[in-house]
Amino acid sequence: MVMSEIGDFRKAKDQYFGGDQNSPLTVDQRKRFKGLQYFPENEGLRFVLEVEEFANYSKDEIQVGTSTGDTASHTRWGQLKFDVSGVPVALTVYRSAGEDDYFLPFMDATTGAESYGDGRYLDLPATGDGRLVVDFNYAYNPYCAYNPHWSCPIPPSENRLTVSINAGEKTFPDAERHEGY
C-alpha cells in the first residue's frame, strides 16, 4: 500500500509527539502515547484560494485572546471565500508581525465534540501568486490542546464556522487541561 503525503505527514507527527523531548506532550503523556486521531483524508476540503487582501487601512493589528487569558498580536490580512458541502463560508487570514506565512485559526461545527474545544489552526505558506493552498487535512490542534504549559490564540469570532470541517486532527483524549477547565 502506498502512503499518501498526508499519511506520511501524520506518521512523522506521531513519531515527533511520541518520541521527541521537545514534543508538546508531557513525559507521562509520551509514555502512554499511541498516536493522534484524525478525520479521514478529505479531498473535498483542499482548496487553492485567492486571498481577498484587505486595504492597508483595514489591516488592523488585533489582540487575540489566548488559552491562558493573555493576548497575542496578529494582523488581519485578508479573507478567503469558498464553499463547504455547498455552503458558502468566509474565513479571515492573519499574519504575525515580521512573518511571511499566513495563519488561519478557526472553529467549526466539530469544535468541542470531535475536535479541540478552543479551535484548530492551519499554517498557510505564501505561494507568491496571491493564492494560498488551504488544505484542512493539515488542520491541527494548538499545543495547548495537549497540556496547560502552552498559551495559544483562540480563533476570533469572525473565524467560527457553522459547518463541519471533517478533516485534520481530532480531539486528543489524553489532554491535560488548564486550571479552571
Protein backbone atom coordinates (compact mmCIF):
# COMPACT_ATOMS: atom_id res chain seq x y z
CA MET A 1 0.00 0.00 0.00
CA VAL A 2 1.33 3.41 -0.97
CA MET A 3 1.21 6.08 1.73
CA SER A 4 -0.22 9.42 0.76
CA GLU A 5 1.59 12.68 1.53
CA ILE A 6 -0.90 13.31 4.35
CA GLY A 7 -0.29 9.77 5.66
CA ASP A 8 3.47 10.38 5.70
CA PHE A 9 2.91 13.72 7.45
CA ARG A 10 0.74 12.13 10.14
CA LYS A 11 3.22 9.30 10.73
CA ALA A 12 6.08 11.79 11.15
CA LYS A 13 3.97 13.92 13.52
CA ASP A 14 3.15 10.87 15.66
CA GLN A 15 6.85 9.99 15.83
CA TYR A 16 7.66 13.54 16.96
CA PHE A 17 4.86 13.68 19.54
CA GLY A 18 5.64 10.26 20.98
CA GLY A 19 9.40 10.33 20.92
CA ASP A 20 10.87 13.82 20.90
CA GLN A 21 11.78 15.61 24.14
CA ASN A 22 10.52 18.86 22.55
CA SER A 23 7.08 17.36 21.95
CA PRO A 24 4.18 19.32 23.43
CA LEU A 25 3.29 16.19 25.40
CA THR A 26 4.46 15.73 28.97
CA VAL A 27 6.82 12.85 29.77
CA ASP A 28 3.90 10.82 31.18
CA GLN A 29 1.74 11.52 28.11
CA ARG A 30 4.58 10.41 25.79
CA LYS A 31 4.82 7.10 27.71
CA ARG A 32 1.11 6.41 27.03
CA PHE A 33 1.02 7.91 23.52
CA LYS A 34 -0.44 5.68 20.81
CA GLY A 35 -0.85 8.30 18.08
CA LEU A 36 -3.02 11.28 17.28
CA GLN A 37 -6.53 10.83 15.94
CA TYR A 38 -7.57 12.28 12.60
CA PHE A 39 -10.58 12.59 10.36
CA PRO A 40 -10.14 10.51 7.19
CA GLU A 41 -8.36 12.36 4.40
CA ASN A 42 -10.93 14.53 2.60
CA GLU A 43 -10.03 15.85 -0.87
CA GLY A 44 -13.19 17.98 -0.82
CA LEU A 45 -11.61 20.14 1.89
CA ARG A 46 -8.48 21.04 -0.06
CA PHE A 47 -8.58 24.38 -1.87
CA VAL A 48 -6.32 26.75 -3.76
CA LEU A 49 -7.80 30.14 -2.99
CA GLU A 50 -7.08 33.73 -3.81
CA VAL A 51 -6.74 35.94 -0.75
CA GLU A 52 -9.06 38.94 -0.87
CA GLU A 53 -6.48 41.18 0.76
CA PHE A 54 -7.85 43.93 2.98
CA ALA A 55 -6.98 47.52 2.12
CA ASN A 56 -3.93 48.76 4.04
CA TYR A 57 -6.10 50.96 6.26
CA SER A 58 -8.18 47.87 7.16
CA LYS A 59 -5.23 45.64 8.10
CA ASP A 60 -5.79 46.14 11.77
CA GLU A 61 -3.43 44.71 14.32
CA ILE A 62 -5.67 42.96 16.81
CA GLN A 63 -5.07 41.32 20.15
CA VAL A 64 -6.35 37.76 20.03
CA GLY A 65 -7.27 36.15 23.35
CA THR A 66 -5.30 33.06 24.34
CA SER A 67 -5.98 29.88 26.27
CA THR A 68 -4.20 31.29 29.32
CA GLY A 69 -6.04 34.63 29.36
CA ASP A 70 -3.20 36.55 27.69
CA THR A 71 -3.31 38.09 24.21
CA ALA A 72 -1.31 37.56 21.03
CA SER A 73 -0.87 40.23 18.39
CA HIS A 74 -1.92 39.40 14.81
CA THR A 75 -2.66 41.46 11.71
CA ARG A 76 -5.96 40.89 9.92
CA TRP A 77 -4.59 40.36 6.40
CA GLY A 78 -7.42 39.24 4.15
CA GLN A 79 -10.33 36.93 3.60
CA LEU A 80 -10.79 33.55 1.96
CA LYS A 81 -14.18 32.65 0.49
CA PHE A 82 -15.15 29.12 -0.51
CA ASP A 83 -17.90 26.51 -0.17
CA VAL A 84 -18.05 23.61 2.27
CA SER A 85 -20.64 21.00 1.24
CA GLY A 86 -22.43 23.65 -0.83
CA VAL A 87 -22.47 26.23 1.98
CA PRO A 88 -20.62 29.49 1.28
CA VAL A 89 -18.16 30.41 4.05
CA ALA A 90 -15.53 33.06 4.68
CA LEU A 91 -12.51 33.00 6.98
CA THR A 92 -10.10 35.76 7.87
CA VAL A 93 -6.39 35.11 7.38
CA TYR A 94 -3.89 36.65 9.79
CA ARG A 95 -0.18 37.34 9.82
CA SER A 96 2.12 37.75 12.78
CA ALA A 97 4.47 40.72 12.88
CA GLY A 98 7.59 40.02 10.81
CA GLU A 99 6.25 36.73 9.43
CA ASP A 100 5.74 35.82 5.76
CA ASP A 101 3.34 32.94 6.31
CA TYR A 102 -0.38 33.19 6.86
CA PHE A 103 -2.18 31.92 9.94
CA LEU A 104 -5.72 30.58 9.86
CA PRO A 105 -7.24 29.84 13.28
CA PHE A 106 -10.79 28.53 13.09
CA MET A 107 -13.65 26.81 14.87
CA ASP A 108 -16.35 24.79 13.14
CA ALA A 109 -19.32 22.57 13.98
CA THR A 110 -16.95 19.79 15.18
CA THR A 111 -15.34 22.08 17.80
CA GLY A 112 -15.78 20.82 21.34
CA ALA A 113 -17.07 17.44 20.20
CA GLU A 114 -14.90 15.75 17.59
CA SER A 115 -12.21 18.44 17.53
CA TYR A 116 -10.47 20.56 20.17
CA GLY A 117 -12.77 22.92 22.09
CA ASP A 118 -10.63 26.04 21.52
CA GLY A 119 -10.34 25.54 17.76
CA ARG A 120 -7.76 24.36 15.29
CA TYR A 121 -5.13 26.02 13.11
CA LEU A 122 -3.74 25.96 9.62
CA ASP A 123 -0.40 27.49 8.65
CA LEU A 124 -0.53 28.73 5.07
CA PRO A 125 2.82 29.39 3.37
CA ALA A 126 2.88 32.20 0.82
CA THR A 127 2.82 30.93 -2.76
CA GLY A 128 3.91 34.16 -4.40
CA ASP A 129 0.93 34.40 -6.76
CA GLY A 130 -1.69 35.77 -4.36
CA ARG A 131 -3.22 32.34 -3.78
CA LEU A 132 -2.93 30.01 -0.83
CA VAL A 133 -3.19 26.25 -0.54
CA VAL A 134 -5.83 25.73 2.14
CA ASP A 135 -5.79 22.03 2.95
CA PHE A 136 -7.91 21.30 6.00
CA ASN A 137 -6.44 17.78 6.09
CA TYR A 138 -3.47 19.52 7.76
CA ALA A 139 -5.64 21.31 10.35
CA TYR A 140 -4.02 20.80 13.71
CA ASN A 141 -4.63 21.34 17.37
CA PRO A 142 -2.61 24.06 19.07
CA TYR A 143 -0.14 22.82 21.67
CA CYS A 144 -2.42 23.97 24.49
CA ALA A 145 -4.76 21.14 23.42
CA TYR A 146 -2.26 18.69 24.95
CA ASN A 147 -1.16 20.35 28.17
CA PRO A 148 -1.61 23.64 30.04
CA HIS A 149 2.01 24.78 29.76
CA TRP A 150 1.26 26.40 26.41
CA SER A 151 -0.59 29.61 25.63
CA CYS A 152 -2.43 29.52 22.30
CA PRO A 153 -4.55 32.06 20.41
CA ILE A 154 -8.27 31.28 20.39
CA PRO A 155 -9.90 31.85 16.98
CA PRO A 156 -11.70 35.21 16.83
CA SER A 157 -15.47 35.19 16.34
CA GLU A 158 -15.10 36.03 12.62
CA ASN A 159 -13.50 32.60 12.13
CA ARG A 160 -16.20 30.46 13.72
CA LEU A 161 -18.00 28.41 11.10
CA THR A 162 -21.40 26.77 11.48
CA VAL A 163 -20.44 23.98 9.04
CA SER A 164 -18.33 20.93 9.89
CA ILE A 165 -14.74 20.74 8.73
CA ASN A 166 -14.40 16.95 8.78
CA ALA A 167 -10.68 16.95 8.09
CA GLY A 168 -7.49 17.22 10.07
CA GLU A 169 -6.74 16.47 13.67
CA LYS A 170 -9.38 15.38 16.17
CA THR A 171 -9.57 15.86 19.93
CA PHE A 172 -6.66 14.43 21.93
CA PRO A 173 -8.22 12.17 24.60
CA ASP A 174 -5.18 12.22 26.94
CA ALA A 175 -5.02 16.02 27.21
CA GLU A 176 -4.09 17.80 30.41
CA ARG A 177 -6.28 20.86 30.92
CA HIS A 178 -5.71 24.41 32.05
CA GLU A 179 -6.79 25.20 35.59
CA GLY A 180 -10.46 26.10 35.69
CA TYR A 181 -11.40 23.89 32.70
